[in-house]
Amino acid sequence: MVSKKGQHSAKGSQRNENLLDFLEVENTQVENRSNLVGEGDIISYIEKKGGKVAKSELYEWTKDKGLTPAALYKVLARLVGEKVLRKEFDEEAEELVYVLAQH
């Protein structure tokens, strides 16, 4: 049985659980994954690719590193906003590319 305070009493065990406790664990796991690849790693990767990388290639690389697409988007948006990167359309590749602003 579950009481009003969220205490679960079955077979003599009592647990205090919040309905949203699982979200805290999930958020921690996402933060840990996003720490694996930082802004510097993304900039270094683009530099190694000659200062320009296709969006799809960058997504694949970060996915292999364990970074979620949402976390990558946040980093890219910040770098574009800070004018470290530019987002352009490459007609040859027919997709978006990210270019280092210094190139």
N, C-alpha and C. Protein backbone atom coordinates (compact mmCIF):
# COMPACT_ATOMS: atom_id res chain seq x y z
N MET A 1 0.83 -1.19 0.00
CA MET A 1 0.00 0.00 0.00
C MET A 1 0.86 1.24 0.00
N VAL A 2 0.34 2.30 -0.55
CA VAL A 2 1.05 3.57 -0.60
C VAL A 2 0.28 4.57 0.24
N SER A 3 0.95 5.21 1.18
CA SER A 3 0.30 6.22 2.01
C SER A 3 0.35 7.57 1.31
N LYS A 4 -0.25 8.58 1.90
CA LYS A 4 -0.30 9.90 1.30
C LYS A 4 1.07 10.55 1.21
N LYS A 5 2.00 10.17 2.07
CA LYS A 5 3.33 10.77 2.07
C LYS A 5 4.27 10.09 1.09
N GLY A 6 3.83 9.18 0.32
CA GLY A 6 4.67 8.51 -0.66
C GLY A 6 5.44 7.36 -0.08
N GLN A 7 5.10 6.93 1.14
CA GLN A 7 5.78 5.79 1.73
C GLN A 7 5.14 4.52 1.22
N HIS A 8 5.94 3.62 0.80
CA HIS A 8 5.46 2.38 0.21
C HIS A 8 5.71 1.29 1.23
N SER A 9 4.66 0.63 1.65
CA SER A 9 4.85 -0.42 2.64
C SER A 9 4.32 -1.74 2.08
N ALA A 10 5.26 -2.52 1.61
CA ALA A 10 4.92 -3.85 1.13
C ALA A 10 5.96 -4.81 1.67
N LYS A 11 5.51 -5.87 2.28
CA LYS A 11 6.40 -6.86 2.87
C LYS A 11 7.36 -6.24 3.88
N GLY A 12 6.88 -5.25 4.63
CA GLY A 12 7.68 -4.67 5.70
C GLY A 12 8.70 -3.64 5.26
N SER A 13 8.83 -3.37 3.99
CA SER A 13 9.81 -2.37 3.57
C SER A 13 9.13 -1.02 3.40
N GLN A 14 9.85 0.04 3.75
CA GLN A 14 9.33 1.38 3.60
C GLN A 14 10.31 2.18 2.76
N ARG A 15 9.80 2.88 1.77
CA ARG A 15 10.64 3.71 0.92
C ARG A 15 9.97 5.06 0.75
N ASN A 16 10.73 6.11 0.85
CA ASN A 16 10.24 7.45 0.54
C ASN A 16 10.67 7.76 -0.88
N GLU A 17 9.73 7.83 -1.77
CA GLU A 17 10.04 8.11 -3.16
C GLU A 17 9.16 9.22 -3.67
N ASN A 18 9.74 10.06 -4.43
CA ASN A 18 9.03 11.12 -5.09
C ASN A 18 8.70 10.63 -6.49
N LEU A 19 7.58 11.01 -6.99
CA LEU A 19 7.15 10.57 -8.31
C LEU A 19 8.16 10.97 -9.39
N LEU A 20 8.89 12.06 -9.16
CA LEU A 20 9.82 12.57 -10.16
C LEU A 20 11.28 12.20 -9.90
N ASP A 21 11.54 11.32 -8.92
CA ASP A 21 12.92 10.92 -8.61
C ASP A 21 13.65 10.36 -9.82
N PHE A 22 12.96 9.62 -10.65
CA PHE A 22 13.62 9.02 -11.81
C PHE A 22 14.14 10.08 -12.77
N LEU A 23 13.52 11.26 -12.82
CA LEU A 23 13.99 12.32 -13.70
C LEU A 23 15.34 12.85 -13.26
N GLU A 24 15.57 12.93 -11.95
CA GLU A 24 16.85 13.39 -11.46
C GLU A 24 17.97 12.45 -11.88
N VAL A 25 17.74 11.17 -11.83
CA VAL A 25 18.74 10.20 -12.26
C VAL A 25 19.00 10.35 -13.75
N GLU A 26 17.94 10.50 -14.53
CA GLU A 26 18.08 10.63 -15.97
C GLU A 26 18.85 11.89 -16.32
N ASN A 27 18.56 13.02 -15.67
CA ASN A 27 19.26 14.27 -15.94
C ASN A 27 20.74 14.14 -15.61
N THR A 28 21.09 13.46 -14.54
CA THR A 28 22.48 13.27 -14.17
C THR A 28 23.20 12.47 -15.25
N GLN A 29 22.56 11.45 -15.78
CA GLN A 29 23.18 10.64 -16.82
C GLN A 29 23.41 11.47 -18.07
N VAL A 30 22.49 12.33 -18.43
CA VAL A 30 22.65 13.18 -19.61
C VAL A 30 23.80 14.15 -19.40
N GLU A 31 23.89 14.76 -18.21
CA GLU A 31 24.99 15.67 -17.93
C GLU A 31 26.33 14.95 -18.01
N ASN A 32 26.41 13.73 -17.49
CA ASN A 32 27.66 12.98 -17.55
C ASN A 32 28.06 12.70 -18.98
N ARG A 33 27.11 12.35 -19.83
CA ARG A 33 27.43 12.09 -21.24
C ARG A 33 27.89 13.35 -21.93
N SER A 34 27.22 14.49 -21.64
CA SER A 34 27.57 15.72 -22.33
C SER A 34 28.95 16.23 -21.90
N ASN A 35 29.43 15.81 -20.74
CA ASN A 35 30.76 16.20 -20.30
C ASN A 35 31.85 15.44 -21.07
N LEU A 36 31.49 14.37 -21.74
CA LEU A 36 32.47 13.59 -22.49
C LEU A 36 33.02 14.38 -23.68
N VAL A 37 32.19 15.19 -24.30
CA VAL A 37 32.58 15.97 -25.46
C VAL A 37 32.25 17.42 -25.16
N GLY A 38 33.26 18.26 -25.13
CA GLY A 38 33.05 19.67 -24.83
C GLY A 38 33.22 20.54 -26.06
N GLU A 39 33.07 21.83 -25.85
CA GLU A 39 33.23 22.78 -26.94
C GLU A 39 34.60 22.66 -27.59
N GLY A 40 35.62 22.51 -26.76
CA GLY A 40 36.98 22.40 -27.29
C GLY A 40 37.17 21.18 -28.17
N ASP A 41 36.53 20.08 -27.79
CA ASP A 41 36.62 18.86 -28.60
C ASP A 41 35.96 19.05 -29.96
N ILE A 42 34.83 19.74 -29.96
CA ILE A 42 34.11 19.97 -31.21
C ILE A 42 34.91 20.91 -32.11
N ILE A 43 35.48 21.97 -31.52
CA ILE A 43 36.30 22.89 -32.30
C ILE A 43 37.52 22.17 -32.85
N SER A 44 38.17 21.34 -32.04
CA SER A 44 39.35 20.58 -32.50
C SER A 44 38.99 19.65 -33.66
N TYR A 45 37.83 19.00 -33.55
CA TYR A 45 37.39 18.10 -34.62
C TYR A 45 37.19 18.86 -35.92
N ILE A 46 36.56 20.02 -35.83
CA ILE A 46 36.33 20.83 -37.03
C ILE A 46 37.66 21.31 -37.60
N GLU A 47 38.60 21.69 -36.73
CA GLU A 47 39.93 22.09 -37.21
C GLU A 47 40.61 20.96 -37.95
N LYS A 48 40.52 19.74 -37.41
CA LYS A 48 41.13 18.57 -38.06
C LYS A 48 40.52 18.29 -39.42
N LYS A 49 39.28 18.69 -39.60
CA LYS A 49 38.60 18.49 -40.88
C LYS A 49 38.80 19.67 -41.82
N GLY A 50 39.77 20.52 -41.53
CA GLY A 50 40.08 21.65 -42.41
C GLY A 50 39.25 22.89 -42.11
N GLY A 51 38.64 22.95 -40.95
CA GLY A 51 37.88 24.13 -40.56
C GLY A 51 36.44 24.12 -41.03
N LYS A 52 36.02 23.02 -41.65
CA LYS A 52 34.65 22.95 -42.17
C LYS A 52 34.17 21.50 -42.07
N VAL A 53 32.98 21.31 -41.52
CA VAL A 53 32.46 19.95 -41.37
C VAL A 53 30.95 19.96 -41.63
N ALA A 54 30.49 18.92 -42.30
CA ALA A 54 29.06 18.77 -42.58
C ALA A 54 28.31 18.46 -41.29
N LYS A 55 27.11 18.97 -41.21
CA LYS A 55 26.28 18.75 -40.02
C LYS A 55 26.11 17.26 -39.75
N SER A 56 25.82 16.48 -40.77
CA SER A 56 25.59 15.04 -40.58
C SER A 56 26.84 14.34 -40.06
N GLU A 57 27.99 14.73 -40.56
CA GLU A 57 29.25 14.13 -40.12
C GLU A 57 29.52 14.48 -38.65
N LEU A 58 29.25 15.72 -38.28
CA LEU A 58 29.44 16.15 -36.90
C LEU A 58 28.50 15.42 -35.96
N TYR A 59 27.25 15.25 -36.38
CA TYR A 59 26.29 14.50 -35.56
C TYR A 59 26.73 13.05 -35.37
N GLU A 60 27.21 12.43 -36.41
CA GLU A 60 27.69 11.04 -36.30
C GLU A 60 28.88 10.93 -35.35
N TRP A 61 29.82 11.87 -35.48
CA TRP A 61 31.01 11.85 -34.63
C TRP A 61 30.63 12.02 -33.17
N THR A 62 29.76 12.99 -32.86
CA THR A 62 29.38 13.21 -31.47
C THR A 62 28.51 12.06 -30.94
N LYS A 63 27.71 11.46 -31.81
CA LYS A 63 26.91 10.31 -31.39
C LYS A 63 27.82 9.15 -30.98
N ASP A 64 28.87 8.94 -31.74
CA ASP A 64 29.84 7.90 -31.40
C ASP A 64 30.55 8.19 -30.07
N LYS A 65 30.67 9.47 -29.75
CA LYS A 65 31.32 9.88 -28.50
C LYS A 65 30.35 9.88 -27.32
N GLY A 66 29.05 9.67 -27.57
CA GLY A 66 28.08 9.60 -26.49
C GLY A 66 27.33 10.89 -26.21
N LEU A 67 27.49 11.89 -27.05
CA LEU A 67 26.79 13.16 -26.86
C LEU A 67 25.44 13.09 -27.56
N THR A 68 24.40 13.52 -26.87
CA THR A 68 23.06 13.49 -27.46
C THR A 68 22.93 14.61 -28.48
N PRO A 69 22.04 14.45 -29.46
CA PRO A 69 21.80 15.52 -30.44
C PRO A 69 21.37 16.83 -29.78
N ALA A 70 20.57 16.74 -28.72
CA ALA A 70 20.11 17.95 -28.03
C ALA A 70 21.29 18.69 -27.39
N ALA A 71 22.19 17.96 -26.77
CA ALA A 71 23.36 18.58 -26.16
C ALA A 71 24.27 19.18 -27.22
N LEU A 72 24.44 18.49 -28.34
CA LEU A 72 25.24 19.02 -29.44
C LEU A 72 24.63 20.31 -29.96
N TYR A 73 23.31 20.32 -30.13
CA TYR A 73 22.64 21.52 -30.63
C TYR A 73 22.91 22.71 -29.71
N LYS A 74 22.86 22.48 -28.40
CA LYS A 74 23.11 23.57 -27.45
C LYS A 74 24.53 24.12 -27.61
N VAL A 75 25.50 23.22 -27.75
CA VAL A 75 26.89 23.64 -27.91
C VAL A 75 27.05 24.40 -29.22
N LEU A 76 26.49 23.86 -30.31
CA LEU A 76 26.61 24.53 -31.61
C LEU A 76 25.95 25.90 -31.60
N ALA A 77 24.77 25.99 -30.99
CA ALA A 77 24.06 27.27 -30.92
C ALA A 77 24.89 28.30 -30.15
N ARG A 78 25.52 27.85 -29.07
CA ARG A 78 26.36 28.75 -28.28
C ARG A 78 27.57 29.21 -29.09
N LEU A 79 28.23 28.28 -29.80
CA LEU A 79 29.41 28.62 -30.59
C LEU A 79 29.06 29.53 -31.76
N VAL A 80 27.92 29.32 -32.38
CA VAL A 80 27.47 30.20 -33.47
C VAL A 80 27.14 31.58 -32.90
N GLY A 81 26.46 31.61 -31.75
CA GLY A 81 26.11 32.87 -31.11
C GLY A 81 27.34 33.67 -30.69
N GLU A 82 28.39 32.98 -30.28
CA GLU A 82 29.64 33.63 -29.89
C GLU A 82 30.53 33.92 -31.09
N LYS A 83 30.05 33.60 -32.28
CA LYS A 83 30.75 33.81 -33.55
C LYS A 83 32.07 33.06 -33.65
N VAL A 84 32.12 31.90 -32.96
CA VAL A 84 33.27 31.00 -33.10
C VAL A 84 33.07 30.16 -34.35
N LEU A 85 31.81 29.80 -34.61
CA LEU A 85 31.43 29.03 -35.79
C LEU A 85 30.44 29.82 -36.63
N ARG A 86 30.43 29.50 -37.91
CA ARG A 86 29.38 29.99 -38.82
C ARG A 86 28.64 28.79 -39.37
N LYS A 87 27.36 28.96 -39.58
CA LYS A 87 26.55 27.89 -40.18
C LYS A 87 26.26 28.33 -41.61
N GLU A 88 26.62 27.48 -42.55
CA GLU A 88 26.44 27.79 -43.97
C GLU A 88 25.83 26.60 -44.69
N PHE A 89 25.29 26.88 -45.88
CA PHE A 89 24.79 25.80 -46.73
C PHE A 89 25.83 25.52 -47.79
N ASP A 90 26.28 24.28 -47.88
CA ASP A 90 27.25 23.85 -48.88
C ASP A 90 26.49 23.27 -50.06
N GLU A 91 26.58 23.95 -51.19
CA GLU A 91 25.83 23.50 -52.37
C GLU A 91 26.33 22.17 -52.91
N GLU A 92 27.63 21.92 -52.81
CA GLU A 92 28.18 20.65 -53.29
C GLU A 92 27.66 19.49 -52.46
N ALA A 93 27.70 19.64 -51.14
CA ALA A 93 27.26 18.57 -50.25
C ALA A 93 25.74 18.57 -50.09
N GLU A 94 25.12 19.67 -50.47
CA GLU A 94 23.68 19.86 -50.34
C GLU A 94 23.20 19.68 -48.90
N GLU A 95 23.96 20.25 -47.97
CA GLU A 95 23.57 20.23 -46.56
C GLU A 95 24.28 21.35 -45.81
N LEU A 96 23.85 21.54 -44.56
CA LEU A 96 24.48 22.54 -43.71
C LEU A 96 25.87 22.09 -43.32
N VAL A 97 26.76 23.07 -43.22
CA VAL A 97 28.10 22.83 -42.73
C VAL A 97 28.40 23.85 -41.64
N TYR A 98 29.29 23.47 -40.74
CA TYR A 98 29.76 24.39 -39.72
C TYR A 98 31.20 24.74 -40.06
N VAL A 99 31.49 26.04 -40.08
CA VAL A 99 32.79 26.54 -40.48
C VAL A 99 33.36 27.36 -39.33
N LEU A 100 34.63 27.14 -39.03
CA LEU A 100 35.29 27.96 -38.02
C LEU A 100 35.35 29.39 -38.53
N ALA A 101 35.03 30.33 -37.69
CA ALA A 101 34.96 31.73 -38.09
C ALA A 101 36.31 32.29 -38.51
N GLN A 102 37.39 31.74 -37.99
CA GLN A 102 38.72 32.24 -38.32
C GLN A 102 39.19 31.81 -39.70
N HIS A 103 38.51 30.86 -40.33
CA HIS A 103 38.92 30.38 -41.66
C HIS A 103 38.25 31.18 -42.75
